[in-house]
Amino acid sequence: MMKLDILAFGAHPDDVELGAGATIAKEISLGKKVGIVDLTRGELGTRGSAEIRDKEAALSAKILGVSVRENLGFADGFFVNDKEHQLEIIKMIRKYQPEIVLCNAIDDRHIDHPKGSNLVSDACFLSGLVKINTLVEGKSQEKWRPKQVYHFIQWKNLKPDFVVDVSGFIDKKAESILAYSSQFFDPKSEEPETPISSKNFIDSVKYRARDLGRMIGVDHAEGFNVERFVAVESLDSLI
């Protein structure tokens, strides 16, 4: 078992990078161990293929410096929030025992994003129940419940509950996103255009970070939504 500080789940390869890539890069620079679990291989995507996205995800993980990346192979577009899928996520949570879980947006354009958000959130709670037994390689896993579940923001401009100063890490985020060369803006590509393949979309990722940064007086920031109150030790813990 590799104990992680943070485990980030995304419905598709590239979800985590788009929503929280700079935050992850910053946390890793501070010595945190971070892992990524993709729920699907993104096989229904208009551009590229599952095999191509597997390679792109591996490259992106290397760029960010994450400790581990796994793919659960759920059906893109058709996975559901049921016992079968919850148990697979519980196995990941118990395997890596993260203190913090990051997951998809609570509301978004793509139907897999809120589905993934609810699925991971429910699994985080269930993972802490001792009477739910999971086996990995024939061995029972210990119960584990993350201390916090944070939802990154994706297509829709949701109002964040808190933002993270990611100044100095936006270029690393952009590099990790552009590792998915089949999916994003490429003027030489002959693939069909999609909502995320335009230059405007890539630009929007950066100007959202700049705008959130502006709101807190820094260069760049990423926003998150929470499920319960976030506590601080004192008033001066806030910037």
Protein backbone atom coordinates (compact mmCIF):
# COMPACT_ATOMS: atom_id res chain seq x y z
CA MET A 1 0.00 0.00 0.00
CA MET A 2 1.17 3.52 -0.83
CA LYS A 3 -0.30 6.04 1.61
CA LEU A 4 -1.30 9.22 -0.22
CA ASP A 5 -2.06 12.68 1.10
CA ILE A 6 -4.45 13.48 -1.76
CA LEU A 7 -6.35 11.23 -4.17
CA ALA A 8 -8.02 12.94 -7.14
CA PHE A 9 -10.82 11.23 -9.06
CA GLY A 10 -11.98 12.27 -12.53
CA ALA A 11 -14.72 10.82 -14.69
CA HIS A 12 -12.42 11.09 -17.73
CA PRO A 13 -8.69 11.37 -18.29
CA ASP A 14 -7.94 15.15 -18.31
CA ASP A 15 -10.77 16.08 -15.89
CA VAL A 16 -8.42 16.28 -12.93
CA GLU A 17 -5.82 18.31 -14.83
CA LEU A 18 -8.41 20.80 -16.08
CA GLY A 19 -10.04 21.25 -12.69
CA ALA A 20 -7.17 20.97 -10.25
CA GLY A 21 -3.91 20.58 -12.15
CA ALA A 22 -2.23 23.63 -10.65
CA THR A 23 -3.33 22.79 -7.11
CA ILE A 24 -1.94 19.27 -7.50
CA ALA A 25 1.35 20.59 -8.87
CA LYS A 26 1.63 22.98 -5.93
CA GLU A 27 0.86 20.31 -3.33
CA ILE A 28 3.45 17.99 -4.85
CA SER A 29 6.02 20.80 -4.72
CA LEU A 30 5.27 21.06 -0.99
CA GLY A 31 6.10 17.39 -0.51
CA LYS A 32 2.61 15.90 -0.64
CA LYS A 33 1.99 12.52 -2.24
CA VAL A 34 -0.82 12.73 -4.77
CA GLY A 35 -2.54 10.10 -6.90
CA ILE A 36 -5.12 10.20 -9.71
CA VAL A 37 -7.86 7.68 -10.46
CA ASP A 38 -9.74 8.02 -13.76
CA LEU A 39 -13.17 6.40 -13.74
CA THR A 40 -13.34 5.81 -17.51
CA ARG A 41 -10.94 5.78 -20.45
CA GLY A 42 -12.94 8.50 -22.23
CA GLU A 43 -13.76 6.10 -25.03
CA LEU A 44 -16.85 8.03 -26.18
CA GLY A 45 -14.86 11.18 -26.84
CA THR A 46 -15.25 12.56 -30.37
CA ARG A 47 -11.50 12.91 -30.85
CA GLY A 48 -8.77 10.38 -30.25
CA SER A 49 -9.34 6.91 -28.79
CA ALA A 50 -9.12 5.13 -25.47
CA GLU A 51 -5.66 3.85 -26.35
CA ILE A 52 -4.42 7.32 -27.25
CA ARG A 53 -5.86 8.80 -24.08
CA ASP A 54 -4.18 6.08 -21.99
CA LYS A 55 -0.81 7.26 -23.31
CA GLU A 56 -1.72 10.93 -22.86
CA ALA A 57 -2.83 10.32 -19.27
CA ALA A 58 0.47 8.62 -18.47
CA LEU A 59 2.42 11.54 -19.94
CA SER A 60 0.32 14.09 -18.05
CA ALA A 61 0.84 12.21 -14.78
CA LYS A 62 4.59 12.31 -15.36
CA ILE A 63 4.46 16.06 -16.01
CA LEU A 64 2.56 16.70 -12.77
CA GLY A 65 4.73 14.28 -10.81
CA VAL A 66 1.91 12.28 -9.25
CA SER A 67 2.88 9.14 -7.35
CA VAL A 68 0.35 6.86 -9.04
CA ARG A 69 -2.39 6.92 -11.67
CA GLU A 70 -5.01 4.22 -12.15
CA ASN A 71 -8.02 3.75 -14.42
CA LEU A 72 -11.11 1.85 -13.23
CA GLY A 73 -12.41 1.20 -16.75
CA PHE A 74 -16.01 2.21 -16.06
CA ALA A 75 -18.23 2.68 -19.12
CA ASP A 76 -17.86 6.22 -20.44
CA GLY A 77 -21.26 7.91 -20.44
CA PHE A 78 -23.05 4.96 -18.89
CA PHE A 79 -21.54 4.33 -15.45
CA VAL A 80 -23.98 4.76 -12.58
CA ASN A 81 -23.89 5.40 -8.87
CA ASP A 82 -24.65 1.91 -7.60
CA LYS A 83 -23.15 -0.67 -5.25
CA GLU A 84 -20.92 -2.23 -7.90
CA HIS A 85 -19.27 1.06 -8.85
CA GLN A 86 -19.13 2.33 -5.26
CA LEU A 87 -17.24 -0.77 -4.15
CA GLU A 88 -14.57 -0.26 -6.81
CA ILE A 89 -13.97 3.29 -5.61
CA ILE A 90 -14.00 2.18 -1.98
CA LYS A 91 -11.18 -0.21 -2.85
CA MET A 92 -9.14 2.71 -4.19
CA ILE A 93 -9.82 4.85 -1.12
CA ARG A 94 -8.88 2.05 1.25
CA LYS A 95 -5.84 1.16 -0.83
CA TYR A 96 -4.33 4.65 -0.75
CA GLN A 97 -5.90 6.04 2.46
CA PRO A 98 -5.93 9.71 1.36
CA GLU A 99 -6.57 12.50 3.83
CA ILE A 100 -8.21 14.55 1.07
CA VAL A 101 -10.20 13.45 -1.97
CA LEU A 102 -10.70 15.70 -5.00
CA CYS A 103 -13.47 14.88 -7.46
CA ASN A 104 -15.63 16.18 -10.29
CA ALA A 105 -17.80 19.29 -10.27
CA ILE A 106 -21.11 19.08 -8.41
CA ASP A 107 -22.89 20.43 -11.52
CA ASP A 108 -21.65 20.59 -15.09
CA ARG A 109 -22.39 20.35 -18.82
CA HIS A 110 -21.18 16.77 -19.23
CA ILE A 111 -23.49 14.27 -17.52
CA ASP A 112 -20.57 12.15 -16.29
CA HIS A 113 -19.20 14.98 -14.18
CA PRO A 114 -22.00 15.33 -11.61
CA LYS A 115 -22.50 11.55 -11.76
CA GLY A 116 -18.84 11.04 -10.95
CA SER A 117 -19.02 13.69 -8.26
CA ASN A 118 -21.90 11.97 -6.45
CA LEU A 119 -20.44 8.50 -6.93
CA VAL A 120 -17.09 9.38 -5.40
CA SER A 121 -18.67 11.38 -2.59
CA ASP A 122 -20.95 8.49 -1.61
CA ALA A 123 -18.06 6.02 -1.78
CA CYS A 124 -15.96 8.22 0.51
CA PHE A 125 -18.62 7.94 3.20
CA LEU A 126 -19.24 4.23 2.70
CA SER A 127 -15.51 3.52 2.79
CA GLY A 128 -15.53 4.38 6.48
CA LEU A 129 -18.08 1.72 7.40
CA VAL A 130 -16.46 -1.32 9.00
CA LYS A 131 -19.22 -3.71 7.92
CA ILE A 132 -18.52 -3.12 4.23
CA ASN A 133 -15.93 -5.72 3.36
CA THR A 134 -13.64 -5.29 0.37
CA LEU A 135 -10.96 -7.67 -0.80
CA VAL A 136 -7.83 -6.91 -2.78
CA GLU A 137 -5.64 -9.86 -3.77
CA GLY A 138 -7.59 -12.00 -1.33
CA LYS A 139 -6.94 -9.74 1.66
CA SER A 140 -9.55 -7.70 3.52
CA GLN A 141 -9.00 -3.96 3.48
CA GLU A 142 -9.26 -1.72 6.51
CA LYS A 143 -11.99 0.90 6.58
CA TRP A 144 -10.90 4.43 5.70
CA ARG A 145 -12.75 7.71 5.35
CA PRO A 146 -11.03 10.83 3.98
CA LYS A 147 -11.12 13.90 6.19
CA GLN A 148 -12.35 16.14 3.35
CA VAL A 149 -13.95 15.82 -0.08
CA TYR A 150 -13.45 18.81 -2.36
CA HIS A 151 -15.08 19.24 -5.78
CA PHE A 152 -13.13 21.06 -8.47
CA ILE A 153 -14.89 23.33 -10.99
CA GLN A 154 -15.14 22.42 -14.67
CA TRP A 155 -17.16 23.81 -17.59
CA LYS A 156 -19.75 25.82 -15.66
CA ASN A 157 -18.64 28.89 -13.75
CA LEU A 158 -19.77 27.67 -10.35
CA LYS A 159 -19.19 29.92 -7.35
CA PRO A 160 -16.34 28.37 -5.36
CA ASP A 161 -16.57 27.89 -1.60
CA PHE A 162 -12.83 28.46 -1.36
CA VAL A 163 -9.93 29.09 -3.72
CA VAL A 164 -6.30 28.00 -3.69
CA ASP A 165 -3.47 30.37 -4.60
CA VAL A 166 -1.71 28.55 -7.44
CA SER A 167 0.54 31.38 -8.58
CA GLY A 168 3.63 29.96 -10.25
CA PHE A 169 1.95 26.68 -11.19
CA ILE A 170 -0.38 27.64 -14.02
CA ASP A 171 2.23 26.78 -16.68
CA LYS A 172 2.65 23.30 -15.22
CA LYS A 173 -1.13 22.90 -15.34
CA ALA A 174 -1.22 24.02 -18.98
CA GLU A 175 1.56 21.59 -19.86
CA SER A 176 -0.30 18.71 -18.22
CA ILE A 177 -3.49 19.60 -20.12
CA LEU A 178 -1.76 19.91 -23.49
CA ALA A 179 -0.30 16.44 -22.98
CA TYR A 180 -3.76 15.40 -24.22
CA SER A 181 -2.90 16.51 -27.72
CA SER A 182 -5.79 14.56 -29.24
CA GLN A 183 -8.36 16.52 -27.24
CA PHE A 184 -7.37 20.16 -27.23
CA PHE A 185 -6.56 22.96 -29.63
CA ASP A 186 -4.29 21.99 -32.49
CA PRO A 187 -4.52 24.13 -35.66
CA LYS A 188 -3.12 21.24 -37.70
CA SER A 189 -5.66 18.69 -36.49
CA GLU A 190 -8.17 17.30 -38.99
CA GLU A 191 -10.37 15.82 -36.25
CA PRO A 192 -13.92 17.16 -35.71
CA GLU A 193 -14.17 20.25 -33.55
CA THR A 194 -15.60 19.86 -30.06
CA PRO A 195 -16.47 22.30 -27.25
CA ILE A 196 -13.01 21.75 -25.72
CA SER A 197 -10.89 21.73 -28.87
CA SER A 198 -11.02 25.47 -29.54
CA LYS A 199 -8.29 27.94 -28.63
CA ASN A 200 -10.91 29.88 -26.70
CA PHE A 201 -11.40 26.92 -24.37
CA ILE A 202 -7.72 26.63 -23.51
CA ASP A 203 -7.54 30.39 -23.05
CA SER A 204 -10.59 30.21 -20.76
CA VAL A 205 -8.79 27.83 -18.41
CA LYS A 206 -6.07 30.42 -17.92
CA TYR A 207 -8.30 33.47 -17.68
CA ARG A 208 -10.54 31.75 -15.13
CA ALA A 209 -7.44 31.14 -12.99
CA ARG A 210 -6.36 34.75 -13.49
CA ASP A 211 -9.79 36.05 -12.53
CA LEU A 212 -10.02 33.93 -9.40
CA GLY A 213 -6.50 35.07 -8.55
CA ARG A 214 -7.54 38.68 -9.04
CA MET A 215 -10.35 38.20 -6.54
CA ILE A 216 -7.90 37.22 -3.79
CA GLY A 217 -5.02 39.47 -4.82
CA VAL A 218 -2.69 36.88 -6.37
CA ASP A 219 -1.71 35.92 -9.91
CA HIS A 220 -3.73 32.70 -10.30
CA ALA A 221 -6.13 30.58 -8.27
CA GLU A 222 -8.29 27.45 -8.58
CA GLY A 223 -11.71 27.12 -6.98
CA PHE A 224 -13.39 24.25 -5.13
CA ASN A 225 -16.75 23.42 -3.61
CA VAL A 226 -17.12 21.66 -0.27
CA GLU A 227 -19.62 19.27 1.28
CA ARG A 228 -19.21 20.47 4.86
CA PHE A 229 -17.60 23.33 6.74
CA VAL A 230 -13.88 23.86 6.29
CA ALA A 231 -12.19 24.72 9.60
CA VAL A 232 -9.17 26.98 10.15
CA GLU A 233 -7.02 27.25 13.27
CA SER A 234 -7.33 31.02 13.53
CA LEU A 235 -8.52 34.04 11.57
CA ASP A 236 -5.02 34.77 10.30
CA SER A 237 -4.92 31.33 8.65
CA LEU A 238 -6.88 32.94 5.81
CA ILE A 239 -5.12 35.04 3.19
